[in-house]
């Protein structure tokens, strides 16, 4: 029980942050024609901000199943790498069905907090994941309810807030690393091409996001490779 409560306390800031971000997602879902319960189910069973944002954009156009598959695989692939990395620090008790069930809660913020532990216990990880999941689902519900009562102008303004979260993710590393800034600029430029050019703009948004992400990552790996030996010395 002590480990669960320790994780619960560590998850409070994440839960509060998810509450505000998912509130905006709830408003966006309602504005795109989803019902309140559909938006809540999406948040409860996926727990991925960027994936959900891209997903509802594809879902409003029926029949784009391949687009949905490719975009979600591309956007959420990072969680697999996080899980592999964290698996090196989990306790011997963290195995079997526990990995399958608790792996669902893997997000960027939960991974960051769990990585600071010397050894990750299942009860700690469950406690760490509880409030973020509640905050994300509850925030979506509040967004769908309150969003219906807000004037259209305010709803449109709040829908922009979720993009601020993505800016908050990419700006700090871009300020520290010129190579990261260049990769972000390349990806943004490519997306502008998909948005404005006559032929490219016909490509579904999910596919275009995946293409821009993959091309940006490949160019970054080719022209700005990370020296693993230096990184290990830095972390030591």
Protein backbone atom coordinates (compact mmCIF):
# COMPACT_ATOMS: atom_id res chain seq x y z
CA UNK A 1 0.00 0.00 0.00
CA UNK A 2 2.90 2.36 0.74
CA UNK A 3 4.26 1.94 -2.77
CA UNK A 4 0.83 2.65 -4.28
CA UNK A 5 0.42 5.82 -2.21
CA UNK A 6 3.93 6.91 -3.16
CA UNK A 7 3.04 6.54 -6.83
CA UNK A 8 -0.28 8.27 -6.25
CA UNK A 9 1.47 11.32 -4.80
CA UNK A 10 3.98 11.37 -7.66
CA UNK A 11 1.12 11.33 -10.18
CA UNK A 12 -0.73 14.37 -8.79
CA UNK A 13 1.03 16.99 -11.00
CA UNK A 14 0.55 14.80 -14.09
CA UNK A 15 -3.13 14.30 -13.30
CA UNK A 16 -3.71 18.05 -12.90
CA UNK A 17 -1.90 18.74 -16.17
CA UNK A 18 -3.89 16.11 -18.03
CA UNK A 19 -7.13 17.53 -16.62
CA UNK A 20 -6.58 20.88 -18.33
CA UNK A 21 -5.28 19.47 -21.61
CA UNK A 22 -8.03 16.86 -22.00
CA UNK A 23 -10.61 19.55 -21.24
CA UNK A 24 -9.62 21.14 -24.53
CA UNK A 25 -9.75 17.77 -26.27
CA UNK A 26 -13.33 17.34 -25.06
CA UNK A 27 -14.27 20.70 -26.55
CA UNK A 28 -12.60 19.81 -29.84
CA UNK A 29 -14.38 16.45 -30.00
CA UNK A 30 -17.77 18.10 -29.47
CA UNK A 31 -17.02 20.75 -32.09
CA UNK A 32 -16.22 17.99 -34.61
CA UNK A 33 -19.55 16.23 -34.06
CA UNK A 34 -18.72 13.60 -31.44
CA UNK A 35 -21.12 13.00 -28.56
CA UNK A 36 -19.95 13.39 -24.97
CA UNK A 37 -19.85 9.66 -24.30
CA UNK A 38 -17.90 8.96 -27.48
CA UNK A 39 -15.24 11.49 -26.48
CA UNK A 40 -15.01 10.07 -22.95
CA UNK A 41 -14.63 6.50 -24.25
CA UNK A 42 -11.86 7.62 -26.62
CA UNK A 43 -9.93 9.19 -23.74
CA UNK A 44 -10.57 6.29 -21.35
CA UNK A 45 -9.31 3.56 -23.68
CA UNK A 46 -6.48 5.30 -25.53
CA UNK A 47 -4.76 7.87 -23.26
CA UNK A 48 -2.70 9.52 -25.98
CA UNK A 49 -3.05 13.25 -26.62
CA UNK A 50 -1.45 13.47 -30.06
CA UNK A 51 -2.97 10.15 -31.13
CA UNK A 52 -6.45 11.22 -30.11
CA UNK A 53 -6.13 14.58 -31.82
CA UNK A 54 -5.04 12.94 -35.07
CA UNK A 55 -7.56 10.13 -34.61
CA UNK A 56 -10.69 12.25 -34.39
CA UNK A 57 -9.53 14.19 -37.43
CA UNK A 58 -9.47 10.95 -39.41
CA UNK A 59 -12.66 9.54 -37.86
CA UNK A 60 -14.81 12.39 -39.15
CA UNK A 61 -14.08 11.13 -42.69
CA UNK A 62 -15.59 7.61 -42.89
CA UNK A 63 -13.69 4.70 -44.40
CA UNK A 64 -10.11 5.88 -43.84
CA UNK A 65 -9.10 2.82 -41.85
CA UNK A 66 -5.64 2.51 -43.42
CA UNK A 67 -4.97 6.18 -42.71
CA UNK A 68 -6.00 5.68 -39.11
CA UNK A 69 -3.73 2.64 -38.76
CA UNK A 70 -0.66 4.34 -40.23
CA UNK A 71 -1.09 7.61 -38.34
CA UNK A 72 -1.63 5.92 -34.97
CA UNK A 73 1.30 3.56 -35.42
CA UNK A 74 3.57 6.47 -36.33
CA UNK A 75 2.44 8.78 -33.54
CA UNK A 76 2.31 6.18 -30.77
CA UNK A 77 5.40 4.14 -31.68
CA UNK A 78 7.40 6.08 -29.12
CA UNK A 79 5.48 4.42 -26.29
CA UNK A 80 6.90 1.06 -27.34
CA UNK A 81 10.44 2.42 -27.06
CA UNK A 82 9.64 3.96 -23.67
CA UNK A 83 8.31 0.62 -22.45
CA UNK A 84 11.43 -1.20 -23.62
CA UNK A 85 13.64 1.36 -21.90
CA UNK A 86 11.68 1.24 -18.63
CA UNK A 87 11.65 -2.57 -18.66
CA UNK A 88 15.34 -2.42 -17.74
CA UNK A 89 14.45 -0.85 -14.37
CA UNK A 90 11.38 -2.83 -13.30
CA UNK A 91 11.45 -5.22 -10.35
CA UNK A 92 11.19 -9.01 -10.80
CA UNK A 93 7.55 -8.74 -9.61
CA UNK A 94 6.72 -6.63 -12.66
CA UNK A 95 6.06 -9.44 -15.12
CA UNK A 96 3.35 -11.39 -16.96
CA UNK A 97 -0.15 -9.93 -17.00
CA UNK A 98 1.01 -6.95 -14.92
CA UNK A 99 3.15 -5.71 -17.81
CA UNK A 100 0.28 -6.15 -20.26
CA UNK A 101 -2.21 -4.26 -18.09
CA UNK A 102 0.01 -1.50 -16.71
CA UNK A 103 1.72 -0.94 -20.06
CA UNK A 104 -1.54 0.68 -21.20
CA UNK A 105 -0.81 3.69 -18.98
CA UNK A 106 2.57 4.50 -20.54
CA UNK A 107 2.78 8.17 -21.51
CA UNK A 108 5.62 10.66 -21.85
CA UNK A 109 5.12 12.14 -18.37
CA UNK A 110 4.53 8.82 -16.58
CA UNK A 111 7.64 7.42 -18.23
CA UNK A 112 9.70 10.44 -17.14
CA UNK A 113 8.66 10.10 -13.49
CA UNK A 114 9.01 6.29 -13.41
CA UNK A 115 12.48 6.53 -14.96
CA UNK A 116 13.71 8.45 -11.92
CA UNK A 117 13.09 5.42 -9.70
CA UNK A 118 15.93 3.03 -8.95
CA UNK A 119 13.52 0.13 -9.33
CA UNK A 120 9.94 0.35 -10.59
CA UNK A 121 7.48 -1.73 -8.59
CA UNK A 122 4.04 -2.68 -10.02
CA UNK A 123 2.16 -1.03 -7.14
CA UNK A 124 4.13 2.19 -7.54
CA UNK A 125 3.48 2.28 -11.29
CA UNK A 126 -0.23 1.62 -10.73
CA UNK A 127 -0.41 4.48 -8.23
CA UNK A 128 1.55 6.74 -10.57
CA UNK A 129 -0.88 5.98 -13.41
CA UNK A 130 -4.15 6.32 -11.47
CA UNK A 131 -4.56 10.10 -11.23
CA UNK A 132 -3.28 10.82 -14.77
CA UNK A 133 -5.87 8.39 -16.19
CA UNK A 134 -8.64 9.88 -14.03
CA UNK A 135 -7.55 13.42 -14.89
CA UNK A 136 -7.43 12.69 -18.61
CA UNK A 137 -10.87 11.03 -18.67
CA UNK A 138 -12.54 13.48 -16.28
CA UNK A 139 -11.10 16.48 -18.13
CA UNK A 140 -12.54 15.18 -21.39
CA UNK A 141 -15.96 14.77 -19.75
CA UNK A 142 -15.87 18.30 -18.33
CA UNK A 143 -14.82 19.67 -21.71
CA UNK A 144 -17.74 18.02 -23.48
CA UNK A 145 -20.24 19.23 -20.87
CA UNK A 146 -19.01 22.79 -20.39
CA UNK A 147 -18.11 23.11 -24.06
CA UNK A 148 -21.77 22.80 -25.02
CA UNK A 149 -22.59 25.80 -22.82
CA UNK A 150 -19.80 28.05 -24.12
CA UNK A 151 -20.24 30.56 -26.95
CA UNK A 152 -18.80 29.44 -30.32
CA UNK A 153 -16.08 32.11 -30.19
CA UNK A 154 -14.76 30.87 -26.83
CA UNK A 155 -14.95 27.24 -27.96
CA UNK A 156 -12.91 28.06 -31.06
CA UNK A 157 -10.33 29.88 -28.92
CA UNK A 158 -10.00 27.03 -26.42
CA UNK A 159 -9.51 24.52 -29.22
CA UNK A 160 -6.19 26.21 -29.93
CA UNK A 161 -4.96 25.52 -26.38
CA UNK A 162 -4.17 21.86 -27.04
CA UNK A 163 -1.61 22.93 -29.65
CA UNK A 164 0.11 24.91 -26.91
CA UNK A 165 0.87 21.61 -25.18
CA UNK A 166 2.71 20.36 -28.25
CA UNK A 167 4.67 23.62 -28.45
CA UNK A 168 5.60 23.21 -24.80
CA UNK A 169 7.02 19.79 -25.64
CA UNK A 170 9.15 20.80 -28.62
CA UNK A 171 10.34 24.31 -27.71
CA UNK A 172 12.60 23.46 -24.70
CA UNK A 173 14.70 20.85 -26.57
CA UNK A 174 14.74 23.10 -29.66
CA UNK A 175 16.24 25.93 -27.59
CA UNK A 176 19.01 23.64 -26.34
CA UNK A 177 19.80 21.87 -29.62
CA UNK A 178 20.15 23.47 -33.04
CA UNK A 179 19.76 20.07 -34.72
CA UNK A 180 16.39 19.52 -33.02
CA UNK A 181 15.27 22.96 -34.17
CA UNK A 182 16.25 22.17 -37.77
CA UNK A 183 14.40 18.83 -37.71
CA UNK A 184 11.27 20.55 -36.34
CA UNK A 185 11.52 23.23 -39.02
CA UNK A 186 11.86 20.61 -41.76
CA UNK A 187 8.84 18.69 -40.48
CA UNK A 188 6.79 21.90 -40.24
CA UNK A 189 7.80 22.94 -43.76
CA UNK A 190 6.83 19.53 -45.12
CA UNK A 191 3.44 19.74 -43.44
CA UNK A 192 2.89 23.18 -44.96
CA UNK A 193 3.53 21.60 -48.36
CA UNK A 194 0.90 18.96 -47.67
CA UNK A 195 -1.53 21.66 -46.54
CA UNK A 196 -1.09 24.21 -49.34
CA UNK A 197 0.15 22.48 -52.51
CA UNK A 198 -2.68 21.41 -54.87
CA UNK A 199 -1.83 17.71 -55.23
CA UNK A 200 -0.40 17.08 -51.78
CA UNK A 201 -3.36 18.68 -50.01
CA UNK A 202 -5.57 15.83 -51.30
CA UNK A 203 -3.63 13.35 -49.14
CA UNK A 204 -5.46 12.54 -45.86
CA UNK A 205 -4.15 14.36 -42.80
CA UNK A 206 -3.23 11.15 -40.97
CA UNK A 207 -0.97 10.04 -43.83
CA UNK A 208 0.61 13.47 -44.19
CA UNK A 209 1.44 13.63 -40.46
CA UNK A 210 3.05 10.19 -40.66
CA UNK A 211 5.08 11.09 -43.76
CA UNK A 212 6.33 14.37 -42.25
CA UNK A 213 7.26 12.63 -38.99
CA UNK A 214 9.14 9.80 -40.68
CA UNK A 215 11.00 12.05 -43.15
CA UNK A 216 11.96 14.49 -40.39
CA UNK A 217 13.22 11.65 -38.17
CA UNK A 218 15.22 10.06 -41.01
CA UNK A 219 16.86 13.36 -41.99
CA UNK A 220 17.67 14.03 -38.34
CA UNK A 221 19.25 10.60 -37.94
CA UNK A 222 21.32 11.02 -41.12
CA UNK A 223 22.56 14.59 -40.71
CA UNK A 224 22.47 14.99 -36.91
CA UNK A 225 23.34 11.60 -35.39
CA UNK A 226 23.73 11.41 -31.62
CA UNK A 227 27.10 10.25 -30.33
CA UNK A 228 26.03 7.58 -27.85
CA UNK A 229 29.46 7.50 -26.17
CA UNK A 230 29.24 11.22 -25.33
CA UNK A 231 25.68 10.83 -24.13
CA UNK A 232 26.68 8.01 -21.78
CA UNK A 233 29.49 10.14 -20.34
CA UNK A 234 27.07 13.00 -19.81
CA UNK A 235 24.58 10.79 -17.98
CA UNK A 236 27.26 9.09 -15.89
